[in-house]
Amino acid sequence: MHSLQKQFHEFVKAEELLREDDHVLLAVSGGLDSMVMADLFAKSSWSFSIAHCNFNLRGTESDGDEAFVKDWANANEVKIYTERFDLGEGSTQLNARNARYQWFEELVATKGYSKIATAHHLNDSLETLLINLSRGTGIKGIAGIKAKSGNVIRPLLFASKDQLKKYAADHSLKWREDSSNEKTDYDRNLLRHVVIPELEKLNPSMVETFRNTAERLGLANEIVQRNVDEIKKKSLVTRGSMTELKLEWLQAQTDFLLLSEILGEFGFNYVTTKEIFKAIGKSGKQFYAGNVELTMDRKSLFIKEAQDELDAENVIDAVGGFQFGEKKLKLSIVGRAEVELSDATSNKVYLNADLLSFPLKIRKWRDGDRFTPLGLDGTKKVSDYLIDAKTPLVKKNGVMVLLSEDEIVWLVNHQISELFKITDQTKKILTISLTSE
């Protein structure tokens, strides 16, 4: 058995990439890397088929690649799928990648494959690391390419390009050369043909030594992700459209790394996360990433899509059910015998219907709004009431009021007005409940 073939089987086993009963779809372009992968699978016991993408980017060359891969598949009695793509406008590389993987996933879903195998190798991983470093990256980016991501596996990731060339020579394998790979107008080609050769002058064994570096970085990333997952499990709470990240775990300066990993999932980059970290404890401060809004409270960060709901007045012209954003309001008239005040909660109230005038209105509270809280003789500013109730700013901004003839009847989810409470003389009672969809 060839040494590369032995390493291939050992790597697949060590990384737990395949089971004996897996049916694998190989992404085969016709180039050296994918033809070595196809040959290794042909010499293995795993069941596999081939998928080839023709993006029509190099005219007759692209058609020649397709014909070459078809000939190999037929000669080796391997099932092959081919597809031609029109990539349209935008980034050719990105569009090609998206189209490729979308098609692969369709084949997996419809043809019964359990894994997709690509021919990425050690040099590809090094190039990816250098690209990420040049653009700015976190721990995931400097760990290179992973051996498996979901149902996508990379069984050649242990091998260098030189090892693949030697294997191909030893087995007289044929492959197709992509002329575009020699151009240096792509970032990856520039690294491959210019940057890495210069770095190899410092360390001729750079690609080989990177194997151990990538392994250590990958393990470091796993440690970080394990900690991140534990924090998310205990301290990340989502209620409707709002996510709260409690900060009781944030103790040391080094915890910033974990915070940056968590907030990165919401679109906050390293620089913004640094500002957020510096502002911890400054209640009310807000940060944005695209359409995501983060509001700081004393002990938590609140994250939601930056969108305004219920800014306008919404009219409720009769009893029944009404939908406002993610909230559902239900109003019904009940008799006194049906009332159980012990059943009243912050989102279910009983009001004197005889004192109400339809249509009612519901909107967000505004500066200057005043009402008469239950139990008080005089009015109080809504803003002061919410401050006294220690309502977090991120929640305070979204508090609603229900009005009858411009008089606040209910500070929603907080308190009803003394003016509309039920008494022993009340005959007609309106019950209102608010639920999240």
Protein backbone atom coordinates (compact mmCIF):
# COMPACT_ATOMS: atom_id res chain seq x y z
CA MET A 1 0.00 0.00 0.00
CA HIS A 2 1.33 3.44 -0.93
CA SER A 3 2.28 5.61 2.08
CA LEU A 4 -0.25 8.29 1.08
CA GLN A 5 -2.98 5.69 0.86
CA LYS A 6 -2.10 4.48 4.36
CA GLN A 7 -2.12 8.03 5.72
CA PHE A 8 -5.45 8.64 3.99
CA HIS A 9 -7.10 5.75 5.83
CA GLU A 10 -5.50 6.70 9.13
CA PHE A 11 -6.63 10.32 8.79
CA VAL A 12 -10.21 9.36 7.91
CA LYS A 13 -10.31 7.06 10.94
CA ALA A 14 -8.64 9.50 13.36
CA GLU A 15 -10.94 12.37 12.37
CA GLU A 16 -14.00 10.08 12.23
CA LEU A 17 -14.87 11.36 8.77
CA LEU A 18 -16.58 8.22 7.47
CA ARG A 19 -18.37 5.10 8.60
CA GLU A 20 -18.27 1.88 6.63
CA ASP A 21 -21.89 2.31 5.50
CA ASP A 22 -21.46 5.90 4.27
CA HIS A 23 -22.31 6.67 0.64
CA VAL A 24 -20.03 9.55 -0.39
CA LEU A 25 -20.43 12.19 -3.09
CA LEU A 26 -16.99 13.32 -4.35
CA ALA A 27 -16.56 16.84 -5.74
CA VAL A 28 -14.28 16.20 -8.73
CA SER A 29 -13.08 19.02 -10.97
CA GLY A 30 -10.58 16.95 -12.96
CA GLY A 31 -7.54 18.68 -11.42
CA LEU A 32 -4.68 16.92 -9.64
CA ASP A 33 -6.16 17.12 -6.12
CA SER A 34 -9.60 15.76 -6.94
CA MET A 35 -8.23 13.01 -9.21
CA VAL A 36 -5.96 11.79 -6.42
CA MET A 37 -8.97 11.78 -4.09
CA ALA A 38 -11.05 9.86 -6.62
CA ASP A 39 -8.26 7.29 -7.06
CA LEU A 40 -7.91 6.82 -3.30
CA PHE A 41 -11.64 6.23 -2.97
CA ALA A 42 -11.56 3.84 -5.93
CA LYS A 43 -8.96 1.79 -4.01
CA SER A 44 -11.03 1.86 -0.80
CA SER A 45 -14.13 -0.01 0.32
CA TRP A 46 -16.35 3.06 0.60
CA SER A 47 -19.29 3.48 -1.74
CA PHE A 48 -19.01 6.71 -3.70
CA SER A 49 -20.18 8.68 -6.72
CA ILE A 50 -18.86 11.79 -8.46
CA ALA A 51 -20.27 15.28 -8.99
CA HIS A 52 -18.68 17.62 -11.54
CA CYS A 53 -19.54 21.31 -12.01
CA ASN A 54 -19.07 23.05 -15.36
CA PHE A 55 -19.17 26.83 -14.87
CA ASN A 56 -18.39 27.57 -18.56
CA LEU A 57 -15.70 30.04 -17.51
CA ARG A 58 -12.92 28.76 -19.80
CA GLY A 59 -14.84 27.78 -22.93
CA THR A 60 -13.53 24.58 -24.50
CA GLU A 61 -11.25 24.01 -21.49
CA SER A 62 -14.28 23.69 -19.21
CA ASP A 63 -15.95 21.28 -21.63
CA GLY A 64 -12.71 19.29 -21.79
CA ASP A 65 -12.64 19.00 -17.99
CA GLU A 66 -16.19 17.67 -17.99
CA ALA A 67 -15.44 15.12 -20.72
CA PHE A 68 -12.27 14.02 -18.90
CA VAL A 69 -14.08 13.39 -15.60
CA LYS A 70 -16.89 11.55 -17.39
CA ASP A 71 -14.36 9.29 -19.12
CA TRP A 72 -12.68 8.48 -15.78
CA ALA A 73 -16.02 7.71 -14.15
CA ASN A 74 -17.11 5.46 -16.98
CA ALA A 75 -13.75 3.64 -17.04
CA ASN A 76 -14.01 3.01 -13.30
CA GLU A 77 -17.74 2.22 -13.38
CA VAL A 78 -18.56 5.08 -11.02
CA LYS A 79 -21.87 6.96 -11.04
CA ILE A 80 -21.35 10.58 -12.15
CA TYR A 81 -23.52 13.71 -12.02
CA THR A 82 -22.68 16.78 -14.08
CA GLU A 83 -24.26 20.22 -14.05
CA ARG A 84 -23.68 23.41 -16.05
CA PHE A 85 -24.08 26.76 -14.33
CA ASP A 86 -24.70 30.35 -15.37
CA LEU A 87 -23.16 32.38 -12.54
CA GLY A 88 -24.63 35.74 -13.46
CA GLU A 89 -23.29 38.99 -12.00
CA GLY A 90 -21.24 39.58 -8.86
CA SER A 91 -18.23 37.74 -7.46
CA THR A 92 -17.47 34.81 -9.74
CA GLN A 93 -15.68 32.86 -7.02
CA LEU A 94 -18.40 33.40 -4.43
CA ASN A 95 -21.22 32.65 -6.86
CA ALA A 96 -19.45 29.49 -8.03
CA ARG A 97 -18.94 28.29 -4.46
CA ASN A 98 -22.56 28.93 -3.51
CA ALA A 99 -23.91 27.28 -6.66
CA ARG A 100 -21.61 24.28 -6.21
CA TYR A 101 -22.57 23.55 -2.62
CA GLN A 102 -26.26 24.17 -3.21
CA TRP A 103 -26.22 21.58 -5.98
CA PHE A 104 -24.24 19.13 -3.84
CA GLU A 105 -26.78 19.45 -1.03
CA GLU A 106 -29.62 18.85 -3.49
CA LEU A 107 -27.93 15.64 -4.63
CA VAL A 108 -27.42 14.55 -1.03
CA ALA A 109 -31.09 15.19 -0.25
CA THR A 110 -32.51 13.50 -3.35
CA LYS A 111 -30.03 10.71 -4.09
CA GLY A 112 -29.32 9.33 -0.63
CA TYR A 113 -25.71 10.40 -0.04
CA SER A 114 -24.51 10.85 3.54
CA LYS A 115 -21.29 12.83 2.97
CA ILE A 116 -19.81 15.32 0.50
CA ALA A 117 -16.03 15.01 0.05
CA THR A 118 -13.87 17.83 -1.28
CA ALA A 119 -10.17 17.61 -2.17
CA HIS A 120 -8.85 20.44 0.02
CA HIS A 121 -5.32 19.70 1.22
CA LEU A 122 -2.70 21.14 3.58
CA ASN A 123 -1.57 23.89 1.19
CA ASP A 124 -5.18 25.05 0.82
CA SER A 125 -5.48 25.29 4.59
CA LEU A 126 -2.29 27.35 4.85
CA GLU A 127 -3.50 29.68 2.09
CA THR A 128 -6.82 30.11 3.88
CA LEU A 129 -5.05 31.03 7.11
CA LEU A 130 -2.88 33.63 5.32
CA ILE A 131 -5.90 35.12 3.53
CA ASN A 132 -7.78 35.40 6.82
CA LEU A 133 -4.75 36.94 8.55
CA SER A 134 -4.41 39.54 5.81
CA ARG A 135 -8.06 40.53 6.19
CA GLY A 136 -8.32 40.26 9.97
CA THR A 137 -9.71 37.21 11.72
CA GLY A 138 -10.48 35.47 14.98
CA ILE A 139 -9.36 32.12 16.32
CA LYS A 140 -11.53 30.19 13.84
CA GLY A 141 -9.82 31.95 10.94
CA ILE A 142 -6.27 31.14 12.01
CA ALA A 143 -7.10 27.47 12.55
CA GLY A 144 -7.26 26.96 8.78
CA ILE A 145 -9.76 24.61 7.14
CA LYS A 146 -11.61 22.05 9.28
CA ALA A 147 -11.54 18.37 8.36
CA LYS A 148 -15.33 18.24 8.58
CA SER A 149 -18.13 20.77 8.63
CA GLY A 150 -21.56 19.23 8.90
CA ASN A 151 -21.81 16.61 6.16
CA VAL A 152 -18.83 18.04 4.22
CA ILE A 153 -15.53 16.20 4.76
CA ARG A 154 -12.00 16.96 3.56
CA PRO A 155 -10.14 13.63 3.64
CA LEU A 156 -6.94 15.01 2.01
CA LEU A 157 -6.35 17.74 4.57
CA PHE A 158 -3.40 15.84 6.02
CA ALA A 159 -1.46 15.88 2.74
CA SER A 160 0.68 18.55 1.10
CA LYS A 161 0.50 19.38 -2.60
CA ASP A 162 3.89 17.74 -3.11
CA GLN A 163 2.64 14.52 -1.55
CA LEU A 164 -0.33 14.49 -3.92
CA LYS A 165 1.97 15.09 -6.91
CA LYS A 166 4.19 12.20 -5.84
CA TYR A 167 1.21 9.87 -5.45
CA ALA A 168 -0.08 10.86 -8.90
CA ALA A 169 3.35 10.23 -10.43
CA ASP A 170 3.74 6.87 -8.67
CA HIS A 171 0.37 5.72 -10.00
CA SER A 172 0.62 7.38 -13.44
CA LEU A 173 -2.55 9.35 -12.79
CA LYS A 174 -3.75 11.85 -15.37
CA TRP A 175 -5.43 15.15 -14.57
CA ARG A 176 -6.44 18.43 -16.15
CA GLU A 177 -4.55 21.69 -15.61
CA ASP A 178 -6.65 24.80 -15.03
CA SER A 179 -4.88 27.64 -16.83
CA SER A 180 -6.52 30.22 -14.55
CA ASN A 181 -4.58 28.77 -11.60
CA GLU A 182 -1.39 30.32 -12.99
CA LYS A 183 -2.73 33.87 -12.90
CA THR A 184 -1.93 35.99 -9.83
CA ASP A 185 -4.95 38.29 -9.99
CA TYR A 186 -6.77 36.11 -7.45
CA ASP A 187 -5.74 36.39 -3.77
CA ARG A 188 -5.21 32.66 -3.41
CA ASN A 189 -3.07 32.39 -6.54
CA LEU A 190 -0.95 35.35 -5.41
CA LEU A 191 -0.28 33.58 -2.13
CA ARG A 192 0.39 30.27 -3.86
CA HIS A 193 2.82 31.54 -6.49
CA VAL A 194 4.43 34.56 -4.81
CA VAL A 195 3.94 34.88 -1.06
CA ILE A 196 4.37 31.28 0.12
CA PRO A 197 7.51 30.65 -2.03
CA GLU A 198 9.05 33.73 -0.38
CA LEU A 199 8.10 32.45 3.08
CA GLU A 200 9.60 29.07 2.25
CA LYS A 201 12.94 30.81 1.85
CA LEU A 202 12.73 31.38 5.62
CA ASN A 203 11.47 27.86 6.30
CA PRO A 204 11.69 25.34 3.43
CA SER A 205 9.47 22.98 5.42
CA MET A 206 6.81 25.61 6.05
CA VAL A 207 3.88 23.59 4.68
CA GLU A 208 4.87 20.50 6.65
CA THR A 209 5.38 22.39 9.93
CA PHE A 210 2.04 24.12 9.39
CA ARG A 211 0.38 20.73 9.82
CA ASN A 212 1.27 20.70 13.54
CA THR A 213 0.51 24.40 13.92
CA ALA A 214 -2.95 23.95 12.38
CA GLU A 215 -3.61 21.02 14.71
CA ARG A 216 -2.70 23.05 17.80
CA LEU A 217 -4.74 26.04 16.61
CA GLY A 218 -7.68 23.76 15.91
CA LEU A 219 -7.51 22.36 19.45
CA ALA A 220 -7.26 25.89 20.89
CA ASN A 221 -10.35 26.84 18.90
CA GLU A 222 -12.21 23.83 20.30
CA ILE A 223 -11.36 24.93 23.86
CA VAL A 224 -12.66 28.43 23.15
CA GLN A 225 -15.82 27.12 21.50
CA ARG A 226 -16.45 24.75 24.40
CA ASN A 227 -16.33 27.72 26.79
CA VAL A 228 -18.51 29.80 24.47
CA ASP A 229 -21.11 27.02 24.27
CA GLU A 230 -21.16 26.70 28.06
CA ILE A 231 -21.68 30.46 28.50
CA LYS A 232 -24.44 30.52 25.88
CA LYS A 233 -26.17 27.60 27.57
CA LYS A 234 -26.22 29.35 30.96
CA SER A 235 -26.34 33.05 30.13
CA LEU A 236 -27.95 33.55 26.71
CA VAL A 237 -31.74 33.79 26.87
CA THR A 238 -34.03 34.52 23.93
CA ARG A 239 -37.59 35.74 24.45
CA GLY A 240 -39.43 36.53 21.24
CA SER A 241 -37.29 38.91 19.19
CA MET A 242 -35.11 39.89 22.16
CA THR A 243 -31.93 38.08 23.24
CA GLU A 244 -30.38 38.74 26.63
CA LEU A 245 -26.73 37.94 27.35
CA LYS A 246 -26.19 37.96 31.11
CA LEU A 247 -22.70 39.07 32.10
CA GLU A 248 -22.12 37.36 35.45
CA TRP A 249 -19.42 35.19 33.83
CA LEU A 250 -17.45 38.20 32.57
CA GLN A 251 -14.73 38.49 35.22
CA ALA A 252 -11.31 38.91 33.61
CA GLN A 253 -9.79 40.86 30.73
CA THR A 254 -9.20 37.57 28.89
CA ASP A 255 -12.98 36.92 28.89
CA PHE A 256 -13.16 39.54 26.14
CA LEU A 257 -12.12 36.81 23.69
CA LEU A 258 -15.20 34.78 24.62
CA LEU A 259 -17.42 37.86 24.41
CA SER A 260 -16.11 38.62 20.91
CA GLU A 261 -16.89 35.07 19.78
CA ILE A 262 -20.46 35.29 21.11
CA LEU A 263 -21.22 38.76 19.75
CA GLY A 264 -19.60 37.83 16.44
CA GLU A 265 -22.54 35.49 15.88
CA PHE A 266 -24.82 38.55 15.93
CA GLY A 267 -22.65 40.47 13.43
CA PHE A 268 -20.54 42.59 15.82
CA ASN A 269 -16.93 42.77 14.66
CA TYR A 270 -13.83 42.77 16.84
CA VAL A 271 -13.45 46.56 16.96
CA THR A 272 -17.07 47.16 17.98
CA THR A 273 -16.95 44.36 20.54
CA LYS A 274 -13.90 46.03 22.06
CA GLU A 275 -15.93 49.22 22.53
CA ILE A 276 -18.79 47.20 24.02
CA PHE A 277 -16.37 45.54 26.46
CA LYS A 278 -15.01 48.93 27.56
CA ALA A 279 -18.56 50.19 28.13
CA ILE A 280 -19.67 47.30 30.35
CA GLY A 281 -21.68 48.73 33.24
CA LYS A 282 -22.76 51.88 31.37
CA SER A 283 -26.49 51.29 31.31
CA GLY A 284 -28.30 52.64 28.28
CA LYS A 285 -25.38 52.77 25.86
CA GLN A 286 -26.24 51.32 22.44
CA PHE A 287 -24.25 49.75 19.60
CA TYR A 288 -25.26 48.64 16.12
CA ALA A 289 -24.18 45.99 13.62
CA GLY A 290 -26.19 46.24 10.43
CA ASN A 291 -29.83 46.05 11.52
CA VAL A 292 -28.93 44.57 14.93
CA GLU A 293 -29.16 46.78 18.00
CA LEU A 294 -27.36 46.07 21.29
CA THR A 295 -28.38 47.93 24.43
CA MET A 296 -26.35 47.78 27.63
CA ASP A 297 -27.91 47.27 31.04
CA ARG A 298 -26.12 47.02 34.36
CA LYS A 299 -25.73 43.27 34.29
CA SER A 300 -26.82 42.24 30.79
CA LEU A 301 -26.61 43.01 27.09
CA PHE A 302 -29.90 43.06 25.18
CA ILE A 303 -29.79 42.31 21.46
CA LYS A 304 -32.57 42.63 18.90
CA GLU A 305 -33.24 43.68 15.35
CA ALA A 306 -33.28 47.46 15.19
CA GLN A 307 -36.87 47.95 14.14
CA ASP A 308 -39.65 50.10 15.48
CA GLU A 309 -42.96 48.42 16.32
CA LEU A 310 -46.04 50.25 17.49
CA ASP A 311 -44.52 53.69 16.97
CA ALA A 312 -47.80 54.79 15.45
CA GLU A 313 -51.15 54.69 17.24
CA ASN A 314 -53.06 51.50 16.54
CA VAL A 315 -56.83 51.61 16.81
CA ILE A 316 -58.89 49.00 18.67
CA ASP A 317 -62.46 49.65 17.68
CA ALA A 318 -64.20 46.76 19.50
CA VAL A 319 -63.66 43.76 21.73
CA GLY A 320 -61.90 40.78 20.11
CA GLY A 321 -58.38 39.81 19.12
CA PHE A 322 -55.77 42.17 17.69
CA GLN A 323 -52.22 41.55 16.42
CA PHE A 324 -49.47 44.13 16.97
CA GLY A 325 -45.99 43.09 15.81
CA GLU A 326 -45.22 39.94 17.79
CA LYS A 327 -47.93 40.66 20.37
CA LYS A 328 -51.53 39.52 20.43
CA LEU A 329 -54.08 41.52 22.42
CA LYS A 330 -57.40 39.94 23.41
CA LEU A 331 -60.30 41.97 24.80
CA SER A 332 -63.57 40.54 26.12
CA ILE A 333 -66.49 41.69 28.29
CA VAL A 334 -67.18 39.58 31.39
CA GLY A 335 -69.65 39.72 34.24
CA ARG A 336 -68.62 40.35 37.84
CA ALA A 337 -69.14 36.67 38.68
CA GLU A 338 -66.43 35.75 36.17
CA VAL A 339 -63.80 38.01 37.70
CA GLU A 340 -61.06 36.60 39.88
CA LEU A 341 -58.70 39.39 40.80
CA SER A 342 -56.16 36.82 41.94
CA ASP A 343 -56.00 35.84 38.27
CA ALA A 344 -54.77 39.32 37.30
CA THR A 345 -51.12 39.53 36.22
CA SER A 346 -48.87 42.04 34.51
CA ASN A 347 -50.22 40.88 31.13
CA LYS A 348 -53.84 40.25 32.14
CA VAL A 349 -55.97 43.01 33.63
CA TYR A 350 -59.58 43.83 34.54
CA LEU A 351 -60.96 47.31 33.81
CA ASN A 352 -64.24 49.18 34.34
CA ALA A 353 -65.79 48.93 30.88
CA ASP A 354 -68.41 51.57 31.67
CA LEU A 355 -65.65 54.19 31.91
CA LEU A 356 -63.98 53.24 28.62
CA SER A 357 -64.75 54.75 25.25
CA PHE A 358 -64.07 52.87 22.03
CA PRO A 359 -62.10 53.10 19.90
CA LEU A 360 -59.19 52.48 22.23
CA LYS A 361 -55.64 53.15 21.05
CA ILE A 362 -52.35 51.40 21.73
CA ARG A 363 -48.87 52.78 21.07
CA LYS A 364 -45.41 53.09 22.59
CA TRP A 365 -45.17 55.50 25.51
CA ARG A 366 -43.78 58.93 24.77
CA ASP A 367 -41.89 61.58 26.70
CA GLY A 368 -44.41 63.64 28.66
CA ASP A 369 -46.95 60.81 29.03
CA ARG A 370 -48.59 60.79 32.46
CA PHE A 371 -51.08 58.45 34.13
CA THR A 372 -52.60 57.75 37.55
CA PRO A 373 -51.09 54.46 38.80
CA LEU A 374 -53.39 52.18 40.78
CA GLY A 375 -53.49 53.29 44.41
CA LEU A 376 -52.35 56.87 43.82
CA ASP A 377 -54.41 60.06 43.91
CA GLY A 378 -52.29 62.10 41.51
CA THR A 379 -50.61 61.53 38.18
CA LYS A 380 -47.06 60.37 37.57
CA LYS A 381 -44.83 60.54 34.55
CA VAL A 382 -44.57 57.19 32.76
CA SER A 383 -40.78 57.71 32.53
CA ASP A 384 -40.54 58.16 36.33
CA TYR A 385 -42.75 55.14 36.97
CA LEU A 386 -40.52 52.94 34.80
CA ILE A 387 -37.37 54.25 36.50
CA ASP A 388 -38.84 53.53 39.94
CA ALA A 389 -39.77 50.05 38.75
CA LYS A 390 -36.10 49.58 37.71
CA THR A 391 -37.17 48.69 34.18
CA PRO A 392 -34.08 48.00 32.00
CA LEU A 393 -33.65 50.65 29.33
CA VAL A 394 -33.87 48.13 26.50
CA LYS A 395 -37.27 47.02 27.78
CA LYS A 396 -38.38 50.53 28.78
CA ASN A 397 -38.05 51.80 25.21
CA GLY A 398 -40.62 49.26 24.02
CA VAL A 399 -43.25 49.67 26.75
CA MET A 400 -46.75 50.36 25.39
CA VAL A 401 -49.73 52.29 26.67
CA LEU A 402 -53.43 51.64 26.12
CA LEU A 403 -55.53 54.79 25.87
CA SER A 404 -59.18 55.76 26.05
CA GLU A 405 -59.87 59.28 24.75
CA ASP A 406 -56.15 60.08 25.20
CA GLU A 407 -56.19 58.99 28.85
CA ILE A 408 -53.78 56.17 29.70
CA VAL A 409 -55.82 53.20 30.86
CA TRP A 410 -53.03 50.68 31.15
CA LEU A 411 -49.27 50.92 31.18
CA VAL A 412 -49.01 47.58 29.40
CA ASN A 413 -47.32 44.80 31.37
CA HIS A 414 -46.89 47.17 34.33
CA GLN A 415 -49.89 48.87 35.92
CA ILE A 416 -53.48 49.92 35.28
CA SER A 417 -54.81 53.39 35.96
CA GLU A 418 -56.59 54.13 39.23
CA LEU A 419 -59.24 55.94 37.17
CA PHE A 420 -60.35 52.74 35.38
CA LYS A 421 -60.19 50.17 38.16
CA ILE A 422 -63.21 48.01 38.96
CA THR A 423 -65.12 48.70 42.18
CA ASP A 424 -68.07 47.14 44.02
CA GLN A 425 -70.38 49.25 41.88
CA THR A 426 -68.84 48.20 38.54
CA LYS A 427 -71.33 46.25 36.44
CA LYS A 428 -69.55 45.80 33.12
CA ILE A 429 -65.94 44.61 33.11
CA LEU A 430 -63.40 44.48 30.30
CA THR A 431 -60.62 41.92 30.60
CA ILE A 432 -57.51 42.35 28.46
CA SER A 433 -54.70 39.83 28.00
CA LEU A 434 -51.47 40.19 26.09
CA THR A 435 -49.50 37.26 24.72
CA SER A 436 -46.43 36.83 22.50
CA GLU A 437 -46.82 34.90 19.23
